[in-house]
Amino acid sequence: MEIDNTKNSSDKTVSASGDSDLIQVRAIISCSNCGYKKKFRNQFPRKDLELLTVAVKVFEWMVCDKCGDLLKLDLEFQV
């Protein structure tokens, strides 16, 4: 009977850890000069964190279509 309890509890732990492996990110892109603001949401596995790093480096050089000023990128994470 203890083995069954251990099996069931380990199954729950495995499935719960699969859900917690996802990181939810909200990106807010804004321009302080003209007031442009856009929000994006996405989620990805922790193992793909390097892909986020590449995307952030691309955002670093984005400029506003309306005024040509550099855009500001704010990231909000939910783990």
PDB file of N, CA and C in Angstrom:
ATOM      1  N   MET A   1       0.806  -1.185   0.000  1.00  0.00           N
ATOM      2  CA  MET A   1       0.000   0.000   0.000  1.00  0.00           C
ATOM      3  C   MET A   1       0.859   1.263   0.000  1.00  0.00           C
ATOM      4  N   GLU A   2       1.942   1.274   0.698  1.00  0.00           N
ATOM      5  CA  GLU A   2       2.822   2.451   0.696  1.00  0.00           C
ATOM      6  C   GLU A   2       3.449   2.654  -0.680  1.00  0.00           C
ATOM      7  N   ILE A   3       3.704   1.587  -1.381  1.00  0.00           N
ATOM      8  CA  ILE A   3       4.289   1.704  -2.717  1.00  0.00           C
ATOM      9  C   ILE A   3       3.296   2.392  -3.647  1.00  0.00           C
ATOM     10  N   ASP A   4       2.002   2.022  -3.548  1.00  0.00           N
ATOM     11  CA  ASP A   4       0.983   2.672  -4.379  1.00  0.00           C
ATOM     12  C   ASP A   4       0.901   4.159  -4.068  1.00  0.00           C
ATOM     13  N   ASN A   5       0.953   4.521  -2.799  1.00  0.00           N
ATOM     14  CA  ASN A   5       0.902   5.939  -2.433  1.00  0.00           C
ATOM     15  C   ASN A   5       2.109   6.678  -2.983  1.00  0.00           C
ATOM     16  N   THR A   6       3.266   6.047  -2.907  1.00  0.00           N
ATOM     17  CA  THR A   6       4.475   6.674  -3.427  1.00  0.00           C
ATOM     18  C   THR A   6       4.387   6.836  -4.935  1.00  0.00           C
ATOM     19  N   LYS A   7       3.872   5.810  -5.624  1.00  0.00           N
ATOM     20  CA  LYS A   7       3.717   5.897  -7.070  1.00  0.00           C
ATOM     21  C   LYS A   7       2.783   7.034  -7.456  1.00  0.00           C
ATOM     22  N   ASN A   8       1.648   7.124  -6.796  1.00  0.00           N
ATOM     23  CA  ASN A   8       0.679   8.169  -7.128  1.00  0.00           C
ATOM     24  C   ASN A   8       1.236   9.548  -6.832  1.00  0.00           C
ATOM     25  N   SER A   9       1.910   9.693  -5.727  1.00  0.00           N
ATOM     26  CA  SER A   9       2.448  11.009  -5.390  1.00  0.00           C
ATOM     27  C   SER A   9       3.565  11.408  -6.345  1.00  0.00           C
ATOM     28  N   SER A  10       4.363  10.453  -6.806  1.00  0.00           N
ATOM     29  CA  SER A  10       5.425  10.803  -7.743  1.00  0.00           C
ATOM     30  C   SER A  10       4.844  11.166  -9.109  1.00  0.00           C
ATOM     31  N   ASP A  11       3.718  10.523  -9.497  1.00  0.00           N
ATOM     32  CA  ASP A  11       3.071  10.885 -10.757  1.00  0.00           C
ATOM     33  C   ASP A  11       2.581  12.321 -10.716  1.00  0.00           C
ATOM     34  N   LYS A  12       2.005  12.730  -9.601  1.00  0.00           N
ATOM     35  CA  LYS A  12       1.523  14.098  -9.465  1.00  0.00           C
ATOM     36  C   LYS A  12       2.673  15.085  -9.506  1.00  0.00           C
ATOM     37  N   THR A  13       3.774  14.709  -8.891  1.00  0.00           N
ATOM     38  CA  THR A  13       4.931  15.594  -8.869  1.00  0.00           C
ATOM     39  C   THR A  13       5.483  15.785 -10.275  1.00  0.00           C
ATOM     40  N   VAL A  14       5.542  14.708 -11.044  1.00  0.00           N
ATOM     41  CA  VAL A  14       6.067  14.793 -12.405  1.00  0.00           C
ATOM     42  C   VAL A  14       5.171  15.678 -13.256  1.00  0.00           C
ATOM     43  N   SER A  15       3.848  15.494 -13.163  1.00  0.00           N
ATOM     44  CA  SER A  15       2.967  16.317 -13.983  1.00  0.00           C
ATOM     45  C   SER A  15       2.989  17.766 -13.533  1.00  0.00           C
ATOM     46  N   ALA A  16       3.116  18.019 -12.248  1.00  0.00           N
ATOM     47  CA  ALA A  16       3.179  19.389 -11.746  1.00  0.00           C
ATOM     48  C   ALA A  16       4.471  20.061 -12.186  1.00  0.00           C
ATOM     49  N   SER A  17       5.569  19.301 -12.209  1.00  0.00           N
ATOM     50  CA  SER A  17       6.837  19.904 -12.622  1.00  0.00           C
ATOM     51  C   SER A  17       6.817  20.235 -14.106  1.00  0.00           C
ATOM     52  N   GLY A  18       6.028  19.494 -14.918  1.00  0.00           N
ATOM     53  CA  GLY A  18       5.903  19.816 -16.331  1.00  0.00           C
ATOM     54  C   GLY A  18       5.234  21.152 -16.538  1.00  0.00           C
ATOM     55  N   ASP A  19       4.225  21.472 -15.726  1.00  0.00           N
ATOM     56  CA  ASP A  19       3.544  22.757 -15.826  1.00  0.00           C
ATOM     57  C   ASP A  19       4.441  23.892 -15.370  1.00  0.00           C
ATOM     58  N   SER A  20       5.231  23.656 -14.339  1.00  0.00           N
ATOM     59  CA  SER A  20       6.075  24.723 -13.802  1.00  0.00           C
ATOM     60  C   SER A  20       7.306  24.957 -14.666  1.00  0.00           C
ATOM     61  N   ASP A  21       7.514  24.115 -15.665  1.00  0.00           N
ATOM     62  CA  ASP A  21       8.648  24.275 -16.565  1.00  0.00           C
ATOM     63  C   ASP A  21       8.412  25.422 -17.548  1.00  0.00           C
ATOM     64  N   LEU A  22       7.186  25.881 -17.663  1.00  0.00           N
ATOM     65  CA  LEU A  22       6.866  26.966 -18.578  1.00  0.00           C
ATOM     66  C   LEU A  22       7.055  28.320 -17.904  1.00  0.00           C
ATOM     67  N   ILE A  23       7.654  29.233 -18.631  1.00  0.00           N
ATOM     68  CA  ILE A  23       7.813  30.604 -18.169  1.00  0.00           C
ATOM     69  C   ILE A  23       6.898  31.473 -19.020  1.00  0.00           C
ATOM     70  N   GLN A  24       6.062  32.258 -18.383  1.00  0.00           N
ATOM     71  CA  GLN A  24       5.182  33.165 -19.102  1.00  0.00           C
ATOM     72  C   GLN A  24       5.814  34.554 -19.104  1.00  0.00           C
ATOM     73  N   VAL A  25       5.862  35.149 -20.284  1.00  0.00           N
ATOM     74  CA  VAL A  25       6.498  36.458 -20.438  1.00  0.00           C
ATOM     75  C   VAL A  25       5.525  37.430 -21.090  1.00  0.00           C
ATOM     76  N   ARG A  26       5.489  38.634 -20.566  1.00  0.00           N
ATOM     77  CA  ARG A  26       4.736  39.712 -21.202  1.00  0.00           C
ATOM     78  C   ARG A  26       5.744  40.791 -21.562  1.00  0.00           C
ATOM     79  N   ALA A  27       5.767  41.158 -22.833  1.00  0.00           N
ATOM     80  CA  ALA A  27       6.671  42.202 -23.321  1.00  0.00           C
ATOM     81  C   ALA A  27       5.854  43.443 -23.636  1.00  0.00           C
ATOM     82  N   ILE A  28       6.334  44.578 -23.140  1.00  0.00           N
ATOM     83  CA  ILE A  28       5.679  45.856 -23.408  1.00  0.00           C
ATOM     84  C   ILE A  28       6.673  46.731 -24.156  1.00  0.00           C
ATOM     85  N   ILE A  29       6.334  47.066 -25.396  1.00  0.00           N
ATOM     86  CA  ILE A  29       7.190  47.909 -26.234  1.00  0.00           C
ATOM     87  C   ILE A  29       6.557  49.287 -26.270  1.00  0.00           C
ATOM     88  N   SER A  30       7.343  50.303 -25.948  1.00  0.00           N
ATOM     89  CA  SER A  30       6.770  51.657 -25.912  1.00  0.00           C
ATOM     90  C   SER A  30       7.793  52.672 -26.418  1.00  0.00           C
ATOM     91  N   CYS A  31       7.246  53.805 -26.854  1.00  0.00           N
ATOM     92  CA  CYS A  31       8.063  54.928 -27.299  1.00  0.00           C
ATOM     93  C   CYS A  31       7.765  56.109 -26.390  1.00  0.00           C
ATOM     94  N   SER A  32       8.782  56.620 -25.745  1.00  0.00           N
ATOM     95  CA  SER A  32       8.586  57.738 -24.815  1.00  0.00           C
ATOM     96  C   SER A  32       8.358  59.059 -25.558  1.00  0.00           C
ATOM     97  N   ASN A  33       8.728  59.114 -26.822  1.00  0.00           N
ATOM     98  CA  ASN A  33       8.618  60.347 -27.583  1.00  0.00           C
ATOM     99  C   ASN A  33       7.199  60.577 -28.122  1.00  0.00           C
ATOM    100  N   CYS A  34       6.602  59.557 -28.757  1.00  0.00           N
ATOM    101  CA  CYS A  34       5.298  59.757 -29.401  1.00  0.00           C
ATOM    102  C   CYS A  34       4.153  59.015 -28.725  1.00  0.00           C
ATOM    103  N   GLY A  35       4.432  58.195 -27.721  1.00  0.00           N
ATOM    104  CA  GLY A  35       3.387  57.520 -26.981  1.00  0.00           C
ATOM    105  C   GLY A  35       2.961  56.165 -27.525  1.00  0.00           C
ATOM    106  N   TYR A  36       3.662  55.624 -28.512  1.00  0.00           N
ATOM    107  CA  TYR A  36       3.348  54.297 -29.049  1.00  0.00           C
ATOM    108  C   TYR A  36       3.507  53.258 -27.946  1.00  0.00           C
ATOM    109  N   LYS A  37       2.578  52.285 -27.878  1.00  0.00           N
ATOM    110  CA  LYS A  37       2.663  51.232 -26.873  1.00  0.00           C
ATOM    111  C   LYS A  37       1.999  49.967 -27.408  1.00  0.00           C
ATOM    112  N   LYS A  38       2.691  48.836 -27.282  1.00  0.00           N
ATOM    113  CA  LYS A  38       2.174  47.550 -27.752  1.00  0.00           C
ATOM    114  C   LYS A  38       2.564  46.486 -26.740  1.00  0.00           C
ATOM    115  N   LYS A  39       1.637  45.549 -26.448  1.00  0.00           N
ATOM    116  CA  LYS A  39       1.892  44.474 -25.490  1.00  0.00           C
ATOM    117  C   LYS A  39       1.800  43.126 -26.191  1.00  0.00           C
ATOM    118  N   PHE A  40       2.703  42.216 -25.819  1.00  0.00           N
ATOM    119  CA  PHE A  40       2.728  40.858 -26.336  1.00  0.00           C
ATOM    120  C   PHE A  40       2.828  39.891 -25.170  1.00  0.00           C
ATOM    121  N   ARG A  41       2.215  38.712 -25.307  1.00  0.00           N
ATOM    122  CA  ARG A  41       2.344  37.665 -24.303  1.00  0.00           C
ATOM    123  C   ARG A  41       2.765  36.378 -24.990  1.00  0.00           C
ATOM    124  N   ASN A  42       3.591  35.605 -24.288  1.00  0.00           N
ATOM    125  CA  ASN A  42       4.016  34.312 -24.800  1.00  0.00           C
ATOM    126  C   ASN A  42       4.481  33.461 -23.637  1.00  0.00           C
ATOM    127  N   GLN A  43       4.596  32.160 -23.865  1.00  0.00           N
ATOM    128  CA  GLN A  43       5.167  31.265 -22.862  1.00  0.00           C
ATOM    129  C   GLN A  43       6.116  30.310 -23.567  1.00  0.00           C
ATOM    130  N   PHE A  44       7.119  29.861 -22.844  1.00  0.00           N
ATOM    131  CA  PHE A  44       8.093  28.967 -23.417  1.00  0.00           C
ATOM    132  C   PHE A  44       8.736  28.132 -22.324  1.00  0.00           C
ATOM    133  N   PRO A  45       9.298  26.969 -22.668  1.00  0.00           N
ATOM    134  CA  PRO A  45       9.972  26.127 -21.671  1.00  0.00           C
ATOM    135  C   PRO A  45      11.267  26.775 -21.190  1.00  0.00           C
ATOM    136  N   ARG A  46      11.642  26.473 -19.974  1.00  0.00           N
ATOM    137  CA  ARG A  46      12.878  27.025 -19.406  1.00  0.00           C
ATOM    138  C   ARG A  46      14.096  26.679 -20.246  1.00  0.00           C
ATOM    139  N   LYS A  47      14.077  25.523 -20.897  1.00  0.00           N
ATOM    140  CA  LYS A  47      15.243  25.107 -21.690  1.00  0.00           C
ATOM    141  C   LYS A  47      15.484  26.036 -22.882  1.00  0.00           C
ATOM    142  N   ASP A  48      14.466  26.795 -23.301  1.00  0.00           N
ATOM    143  CA  ASP A  48      14.584  27.701 -24.444  1.00  0.00           C
ATOM    144  C   ASP A  48      14.873  29.139 -24.031  1.00  0.00           C
ATOM    145  N   LEU A  49      15.400  29.332 -22.849  1.00  0.00           N
ATOM    146  CA  LEU A  49      15.690  30.677 -22.352  1.00  0.00           C
ATOM    147  C   LEU A  49      16.696  31.406 -23.243  1.00  0.00           C
ATOM    148  N   GLU A  50      17.581  30.673 -23.894  1.00  0.00           N
ATOM    149  CA  GLU A  50      18.571  31.289 -24.783  1.00  0.00           C
ATOM    150  C   GLU A  50      17.887  31.982 -25.967  1.00  0.00           C
ATOM    151  N   LEU A  51      16.761  31.446 -26.424  1.00  0.00           N
ATOM    152  CA  LEU A  51      16.034  32.073 -27.536  1.00  0.00           C
ATOM    153  C   LEU A  51      15.508  33.443 -27.132  1.00  0.00           C
ATOM    154  N   LEU A  52      15.102  33.578 -25.885  1.00  0.00           N
ATOM    155  CA  LEU A  52      14.637  34.877 -25.397  1.00  0.00           C
ATOM    156  C   LEU A  52      15.781  35.884 -25.407  1.00  0.00           C
ATOM    157  N   THR A  53      16.963  35.442 -25.050  1.00  0.00           N
ATOM    158  CA  THR A  53      18.132  36.321 -25.040  1.00  0.00           C
ATOM    159  C   THR A  53      18.394  36.891 -26.429  1.00  0.00           C
ATOM    160  N   VAL A  54      18.283  36.070 -27.446  1.00  0.00           N
ATOM    161  CA  VAL A  54      18.491  36.508 -28.829  1.00  0.00           C
ATOM    162  C   VAL A  54      17.426  37.533 -29.214  1.00  0.00           C
ATOM    163  N   ALA A  55      16.173  37.259 -28.858  1.00  0.00           N
ATOM    164  CA  ALA A  55      15.082  38.180 -29.196  1.00  0.00           C
ATOM    165  C   ALA A  55      15.273  39.528 -28.516  1.00  0.00           C
ATOM    166  N   VAL A  56      15.727  39.522 -27.269  1.00  0.00           N
ATOM    167  CA  VAL A  56      15.936  40.779 -26.543  1.00  0.00           C
ATOM    168  C   VAL A  56      17.050  41.594 -27.200  1.00  0.00           C
ATOM    169  N   LYS A  57      18.083  40.934 -27.688  1.00  0.00           N
ATOM    170  CA  LYS A  57      19.159  41.656 -28.366  1.00  0.00           C
ATOM    171  C   LYS A  57      18.660  42.313 -29.657  1.00  0.00           C
ATOM    172  N   VAL A  58      17.708  41.681 -30.331  1.00  0.00           N
ATOM    173  CA  VAL A  58      17.124  42.277 -31.534  1.00  0.00           C
ATOM    174  C   VAL A  58      16.292  43.500 -31.148  1.00  0.00           C
ATOM    175  N   PHE A  59      15.495  43.386 -30.092  1.00  0.00           N
ATOM    176  CA  PHE A  59      14.671  44.507 -29.636  1.00  0.00           C
ATOM    177  C   PHE A  59      15.507  45.710 -29.227  1.00  0.00           C
ATOM    178  N   GLU A  60      16.723  45.484 -28.821  1.00  0.00           N
ATOM    179  CA  GLU A  60      17.592  46.563 -28.345  1.00  0.00           C
ATOM    180  C   GLU A  60      17.796  47.639 -29.409  1.00  0.00           C
ATOM    181  N   TRP A  61      17.694  47.271 -30.680  1.00  0.00           N
ATOM    182  CA  TRP A  61      17.972  48.213 -31.768  1.00  0.00           C
ATOM    183  C   TRP A  61      16.724  48.629 -32.535  1.00  0.00           C
ATOM    184  N   MET A  62      15.537  48.298 -32.042  1.00  0.00           N
ATOM    185  CA  MET A  62      14.309  48.669 -32.748  1.00  0.00           C
ATOM    186  C   MET A  62      13.988  50.141 -32.537  1.00  0.00           C
ATOM    187  N   VAL A  63      13.535  50.779 -33.610  1.00  0.00           N
ATOM    188  CA  VAL A  63      13.161  52.194 -33.536  1.00  0.00           C
ATOM    189  C   VAL A  63      11.686  52.350 -33.899  1.00  0.00           C
ATOM    190  N   CYS A  64      11.104  53.421 -33.451  1.00  0.00           N
ATOM    191  CA  CYS A  64       9.699  53.733 -33.697  1.00  0.00           C
ATOM    192  C   CYS A  64       9.507  54.128 -35.162  1.00  0.00           C
ATOM    193  N   ASP A  65       8.455  53.602 -35.790  1.00  0.00           N
ATOM    194  CA  ASP A  65       8.139  53.950 -37.182  1.00  0.00           C
ATOM    195  C   ASP A  65       7.697  55.404 -37.309  1.00  0.00           C
ATOM    196  N   LYS A  66       7.031  55.919 -36.284  1.00  0.00           N
ATOM    197  CA  LYS A  66       6.468  57.267 -36.360  1.00  0.00           C
ATOM    198  C   LYS A  66       7.511  58.359 -36.173  1.00  0.00           C
ATOM    199  N   CYS A  67       8.392  58.198 -35.166  1.00  0.00           N
ATOM    200  CA  CYS A  67       9.305  59.299 -34.850  1.00  0.00           C
ATOM    201  C   CYS A  67      10.790  58.942 -34.962  1.00  0.00           C
ATOM    202  N   GLY A  68      11.130  57.663 -35.093  1.00  0.00           N
ATOM    203  CA  GLY A  68      12.523  57.265 -35.246  1.00  0.00           C
ATOM    204  C   GLY A  68      13.298  57.130 -33.943  1.00  0.00           C
ATOM    205  N   ASP A  69      12.638  57.333 -32.803  1.00  0.00           N
ATOM    206  CA  ASP A  69      13.287  57.208 -31.501  1.00  0.00           C
ATOM    207  C   ASP A  69      13.432  55.725 -31.138  1.00  0.00           C
ATOM    208  N   LEU A  70      14.436  55.378 -30.327  1.00  0.00           N
ATOM    209  CA  LEU A  70      14.604  53.995 -29.885  1.00  0.00           C
ATOM    210  C   LEU A  70      13.428  53.587 -29.013  1.00  0.00           C
ATOM    211  N   LEU A  71      12.946  52.348 -29.209  1.00  0.00           N
ATOM    212  CA  LEU A  71      11.835  51.832 -28.426  1.00  0.00           C
ATOM    213  C   LEU A  71      12.327  51.265 -27.098  1.00  0.00           C
ATOM    214  N   LYS A  72      11.477  51.351 -26.098  1.00  0.00           N
ATOM    215  CA  LYS A  72      11.793  50.815 -24.780  1.00  0.00           C
ATOM    216  C   LYS A  72      11.108  49.458 -24.655  1.00  0.00           C
ATOM    217  N   LEU A  73      11.824  48.462 -24.136  1.00  0.00           N
ATOM    218  CA  LEU A  73      11.283  47.116 -23.956  1.00  0.00           C
ATOM    219  C   LEU A  73      11.270  46.782 -22.477  1.00  0.00           C
ATOM    220  N   ASP A  74      10.077  46.494 -21.949  1.00  0.00           N
ATOM    221  CA  ASP A  74       9.934  46.037 -20.569  1.00  0.00           C
ATOM    222  C   ASP A  74       9.424  44.608 -20.594  1.00  0.00           C
ATOM    223  N   LEU A  75      10.049  43.743 -19.798  1.00  0.00           N
ATOM    224  CA  LEU A  75       9.646  42.341 -19.722  1.00  0.00           C
ATOM    225  C   LEU A  75       9.109  42.041 -18.334  1.00  0.00           C
ATOM    226  N   GLU A  76       7.995  41.313 -18.279  1.00  0.00           N
ATOM    227  CA  GLU A  76       7.418  40.858 -17.024  1.00  0.00           C
ATOM    228  C   GLU A  76       7.336  39.344 -17.086  1.00  0.00           C
ATOM    229  N   PHE A  77       7.914  38.681 -16.083  1.00  0.00           N
ATOM    230  CA  PHE A  77       7.957  37.224 -16.051  1.00  0.00           C
ATOM    231  C   PHE A  77       7.034  36.665 -14.980  1.00  0.00           C
ATOM    232  N   GLN A  78       6.408  35.544 -15.291  1.00  0.00           N
ATOM    233  CA  GLN A  78       5.647  34.770 -14.309  1.00  0.00           C
ATOM    234  C   GLN A  78       6.187  33.358 -14.375  1.00  0.00           C
ATOM    235  N   VAL A  79       6.755  32.906 -13.296  1.00  0.00           N
ATOM    236  CA  VAL A  79       7.320  31.538 -13.271  1.00  0.00           C
ATOM    237  C   VAL A  79       6.518  30.645 -12.377  1.00  0.00           C
TER     238      VAL A  79
END
